[in-house]
Amino acid sequence: MTDTADPRSWTFESSYVAIPIDDIDTDQIIPARFLTTTARAGLGPHAFHDRRYRADGTPDPDFALNRSELHEARVLVAGRNFGCGSSREHAVWALVDAGFRAVVSTEFADIFRANALGNGLLPIQVSPEIAAALLAPGRSTADRVHIDLEARTLTIPDGRVVQFPVPPFARHCLLHGVDELGFLLEAVDDIAAYEGGRESDLSTLGAGSAARPEVA
């Protein structure tokens, strides 16, 4: 499977990995024993490690991430309450390093959602009806979804187009490939111009002392 868009674009089409399990917490996404690094790269092979591999370390062929026809999928579809549990940012890093650009669910843990938006992973919240269609038994691994972040739309294999919510600032950062710090750095000149053009509203120490009322 080859994606049909520039990998940097936020308008793209992809096959998807379906994990029809509710309450997938961050320890399932990336077990705590792999949190010994502060590097964002290298965690992908450990994403869903305890579900992905057998006790002897061999891949479990029944787990979706191990299906060869889905190795290039950039979208993950999961059950409700995705990303609950601890606030570890490594969970998002692991998913991004595994190649995912978006996760679809009916519900996301708030901290996971914030971590995702801040690290280039798009959380797409949909209705139970849409999620059920994507996770339906008998679905084909050839099924593809289309994501358009500019329009905030998800098109599912049966042709239905649904809108999803995304905060305007997070949407801007994703579309322009910047994080919060990058956004501020881009605005340095504007900030300096604003600060240089306004009068100081701070009194001098002497003036402040003279204006201070007497206390009986």
Protein backbone atom coordinates (compact mmCIF):
# COMPACT_ATOMS: atom_id res chain seq x y z
CA MET A 1 0.00 0.00 0.00
CA THR A 2 1.30 3.42 -0.95
CA ASP A 3 -0.17 6.63 0.44
CA THR A 4 -1.72 8.90 -2.15
CA ALA A 5 -0.38 12.21 -0.84
CA ASP A 6 2.76 14.01 0.22
CA PRO A 7 3.64 12.49 3.63
CA ARG A 8 3.85 16.02 5.02
CA SER A 9 0.37 16.94 3.80
CA TRP A 10 -2.65 16.92 6.07
CA THR A 11 -4.89 15.91 3.18
CA PHE A 12 -4.20 12.25 2.62
CA GLU A 13 -5.67 8.81 2.06
CA SER A 14 -4.53 5.67 3.84
CA SER A 15 -5.49 2.17 4.85
CA TYR A 16 -6.08 1.81 8.58
CA VAL A 17 -5.27 -0.50 11.46
CA ALA A 18 -8.34 -1.47 13.47
CA ILE A 19 -8.03 -2.38 17.15
CA PRO A 20 -11.63 -2.80 18.40
CA ILE A 21 -10.75 -2.57 22.09
CA ASP A 22 -12.09 -0.01 24.58
CA ASP A 23 -10.03 1.70 27.29
CA ILE A 24 -6.64 1.26 25.65
CA ASP A 25 -4.44 3.03 28.17
CA THR A 26 -1.01 4.54 27.71
CA ASP A 27 0.69 1.55 29.38
CA GLN A 28 -0.75 -0.67 26.65
CA ILE A 29 0.39 1.77 23.98
CA ILE A 30 3.93 1.90 25.39
CA PRO A 31 4.72 -0.20 28.49
CA ALA A 32 6.51 1.57 31.34
CA ARG A 33 9.70 -0.45 30.94
CA PHE A 34 10.37 1.37 27.66
CA LEU A 35 10.22 4.85 29.21
CA THR A 36 13.96 5.03 29.81
CA THR A 37 14.53 7.48 26.95
CA THR A 38 13.74 11.12 26.32
CA ALA A 39 14.21 10.67 22.57
CA ARG A 40 11.10 10.65 20.43
CA ALA A 41 12.56 8.27 17.86
CA GLY A 42 12.96 4.55 18.37
CA LEU A 43 9.77 3.79 20.30
CA GLY A 44 7.72 2.65 17.31
CA PRO A 45 8.77 -1.02 17.45
CA HIS A 46 7.53 -1.13 21.06
CA ALA A 47 4.08 0.34 20.37
CA PHE A 48 1.47 -2.09 21.78
CA HIS A 49 4.40 -4.33 22.68
CA ASP A 50 2.58 -6.66 25.09
CA ARG A 51 -0.26 -7.22 22.61
CA ARG A 52 1.98 -7.25 19.57
CA TYR A 53 4.46 -9.89 20.69
CA ARG A 54 4.17 -13.31 22.29
CA ALA A 55 5.96 -14.21 25.52
CA ASP A 56 8.89 -15.59 23.50
CA GLY A 57 9.28 -12.28 21.68
CA THR A 58 7.91 -13.42 18.32
CA PRO A 59 5.21 -11.31 16.62
CA ASP A 60 1.63 -12.43 17.18
CA PRO A 61 0.22 -12.86 13.65
CA ASP A 62 -3.31 -12.27 14.91
CA PHE A 63 -2.55 -8.72 16.09
CA ALA A 64 -3.42 -6.07 13.50
CA LEU A 65 -0.08 -4.23 13.58
CA ASN A 66 1.67 -7.41 12.48
CA ARG A 67 -0.33 -7.87 9.28
CA SER A 68 2.00 -7.20 6.35
CA GLU A 69 -0.72 -5.55 4.26
CA LEU A 70 -1.15 -2.89 6.95
CA HIS A 71 2.50 -2.06 7.61
CA GLU A 72 2.20 1.28 5.81
CA ALA A 73 -1.14 2.30 7.31
CA ARG A 74 -1.01 5.81 8.75
CA VAL A 75 -4.34 5.70 10.58
CA LEU A 76 -5.30 3.76 13.71
CA VAL A 77 -8.96 3.13 14.60
CA ALA A 78 -9.64 2.00 18.16
CA GLY A 79 -12.43 1.59 20.71
CA ARG A 80 -13.69 4.29 23.06
CA ASN A 81 -11.65 6.06 25.77
CA PHE A 82 -8.37 5.80 23.90
CA GLY A 83 -5.23 6.99 25.69
CA CYS A 84 -6.55 6.82 29.24
CA GLY A 85 -4.23 6.11 32.17
CA SER A 86 -0.99 7.94 32.83
CA SER A 87 -0.03 11.17 31.09
CA ARG A 88 3.15 9.77 29.49
CA GLU A 89 3.97 11.65 26.30
CA HIS A 90 5.92 8.59 25.17
CA ALA A 91 2.61 6.99 24.14
CA VAL A 92 2.17 9.58 21.41
CA TRP A 93 5.85 9.37 20.44
CA ALA A 94 5.52 5.60 20.02
CA LEU A 95 2.49 5.92 17.75
CA VAL A 96 4.11 8.61 15.61
CA ASP A 97 7.34 6.60 15.36
CA ALA A 98 5.26 3.58 14.31
CA GLY A 99 4.07 5.64 11.34
CA PHE A 100 0.66 6.80 12.50
CA ARG A 101 -0.54 10.32 11.74
CA ALA A 102 -4.10 10.01 13.06
CA VAL A 103 -6.08 8.00 15.59
CA VAL A 104 -9.84 7.60 15.28
CA SER A 105 -12.01 6.87 18.32
CA THR A 106 -15.33 7.87 19.86
CA GLU A 107 -13.58 9.27 22.93
CA PHE A 108 -10.06 10.32 23.94
CA ALA A 109 -8.51 10.95 27.34
CA ASP A 110 -7.98 14.72 27.65
CA ILE A 111 -4.25 14.57 28.42
CA PHE A 112 -3.62 12.13 25.58
CA ARG A 113 -5.51 14.41 23.19
CA ALA A 114 -3.38 17.40 24.22
CA ASN A 115 -0.16 15.39 23.93
CA ALA A 116 -1.20 14.14 20.50
CA LEU A 117 -2.00 17.58 19.12
CA GLY A 118 1.30 18.89 20.47
CA ASN A 119 3.33 16.14 18.81
CA GLY A 120 1.94 15.86 15.31
CA LEU A 121 -0.68 13.14 15.88
CA LEU A 122 -4.28 13.99 14.94
CA PRO A 123 -6.99 12.63 17.29
CA ILE A 124 -10.22 12.28 15.30
CA GLN A 125 -13.33 11.90 17.44
CA VAL A 126 -16.31 10.33 15.69
CA SER A 127 -19.76 9.07 16.58
CA PRO A 128 -20.29 5.47 17.74
CA GLU A 129 -22.06 4.79 14.43
CA ILE A 130 -19.03 5.82 12.36
CA ALA A 131 -16.63 3.95 14.64
CA ALA A 132 -18.77 0.82 14.37
CA ALA A 133 -18.63 1.00 10.57
CA LEU A 134 -14.84 1.28 10.63
CA LEU A 135 -14.45 -1.55 13.15
CA ALA A 136 -17.10 -3.86 11.69
CA PRO A 137 -16.20 -7.57 11.52
CA GLY A 138 -15.42 -8.69 7.99
CA ARG A 139 -14.01 -5.33 6.92
CA SER A 140 -11.34 -5.50 4.24
CA THR A 141 -7.73 -4.59 4.97
CA ALA A 142 -7.86 -2.80 1.61
CA ASP A 143 -10.39 -0.31 2.98
CA ARG A 144 -9.10 3.24 3.04
CA VAL A 145 -10.07 6.46 4.75
CA HIS A 146 -9.48 10.01 3.56
CA ILE A 147 -8.52 12.78 5.98
CA ASP A 148 -8.67 16.51 5.24
CA LEU A 149 -7.51 18.54 8.23
CA GLU A 150 -8.12 21.85 6.46
CA ALA A 151 -11.81 20.94 6.05
CA ARG A 152 -11.83 18.88 9.26
CA THR A 153 -13.39 15.93 7.45
CA LEU A 154 -12.99 12.16 7.53
CA THR A 155 -14.29 10.09 4.62
CA ILE A 156 -14.87 6.44 5.47
CA PRO A 157 -14.86 3.51 3.00
CA ASP A 158 -18.64 3.56 2.41
CA GLY A 159 -18.40 7.14 1.18
CA ARG A 160 -19.80 8.94 4.22
CA VAL A 161 -18.07 12.20 5.05
CA VAL A 162 -18.08 13.36 8.66
CA GLN A 163 -16.63 16.41 10.35
CA PHE A 164 -14.47 16.15 13.44
CA PRO A 165 -13.54 18.76 16.06
CA VAL A 166 -10.03 20.17 16.40
CA PRO A 167 -8.96 23.33 18.28
CA PRO A 168 -8.14 26.17 15.84
CA PHE A 169 -4.66 26.80 17.25
CA ALA A 170 -3.72 23.10 17.16
CA ARG A 171 -5.08 22.87 13.61
CA HIS A 172 -2.96 25.85 12.57
CA CYS A 173 0.18 24.31 14.07
CA LEU A 174 -0.40 20.94 12.41
CA LEU A 175 -1.14 22.46 9.02
CA HIS A 176 1.99 24.62 9.18
CA GLY A 177 4.26 21.98 10.71
CA VAL A 178 5.11 23.92 13.86
CA ASP A 179 4.70 23.29 17.58
CA GLU A 180 3.83 25.93 20.19
CA LEU A 181 7.44 27.03 20.56
CA GLY A 182 7.87 27.22 16.80
CA PHE A 183 4.73 29.35 16.55
CA LEU A 184 6.10 31.78 19.14
CA LEU A 185 9.50 31.94 17.43
CA GLU A 186 7.79 32.79 14.14
CA ALA A 187 6.03 35.67 15.88
CA VAL A 188 9.17 37.14 17.54
CA ASP A 189 9.30 40.17 15.25
CA ASP A 190 5.60 40.91 15.72
CA ILE A 191 5.92 40.58 19.49
CA ALA A 192 8.96 42.89 19.56
CA ALA A 193 7.15 45.47 17.42
CA TYR A 194 4.13 45.39 19.71
CA GLU A 195 6.18 45.68 22.88
CA GLY A 196 8.29 48.49 21.40
CA GLY A 197 5.28 50.49 20.30
CA ARG A 198 3.30 50.63 23.51
CA GLU A 199 3.89 52.97 26.42
CA SER A 200 4.99 51.43 29.67
CA ASP A 201 2.16 51.19 32.16
CA LEU A 202 4.54 50.65 35.06
CA SER A 203 5.15 53.48 37.51
CA THR A 204 8.64 54.21 38.75
CA LEU A 205 9.42 53.16 42.28
CA GLY A 206 9.44 56.77 43.41
CA ALA A 207 6.17 57.63 41.80
CA GLY A 208 4.61 54.48 43.15
CA SER A 209 5.80 55.33 46.66
CA ALA A 210 4.47 58.88 46.48
CA ALA A 211 1.10 57.66 45.31
CA ARG A 212 0.81 55.07 48.05
CA PRO A 213 -1.92 56.05 50.56
CA GLU A 214 -1.02 56.52 54.19
CA VAL A 215 -1.94 53.66 56.48
CA ALA A 216 -3.25 54.65 59.92
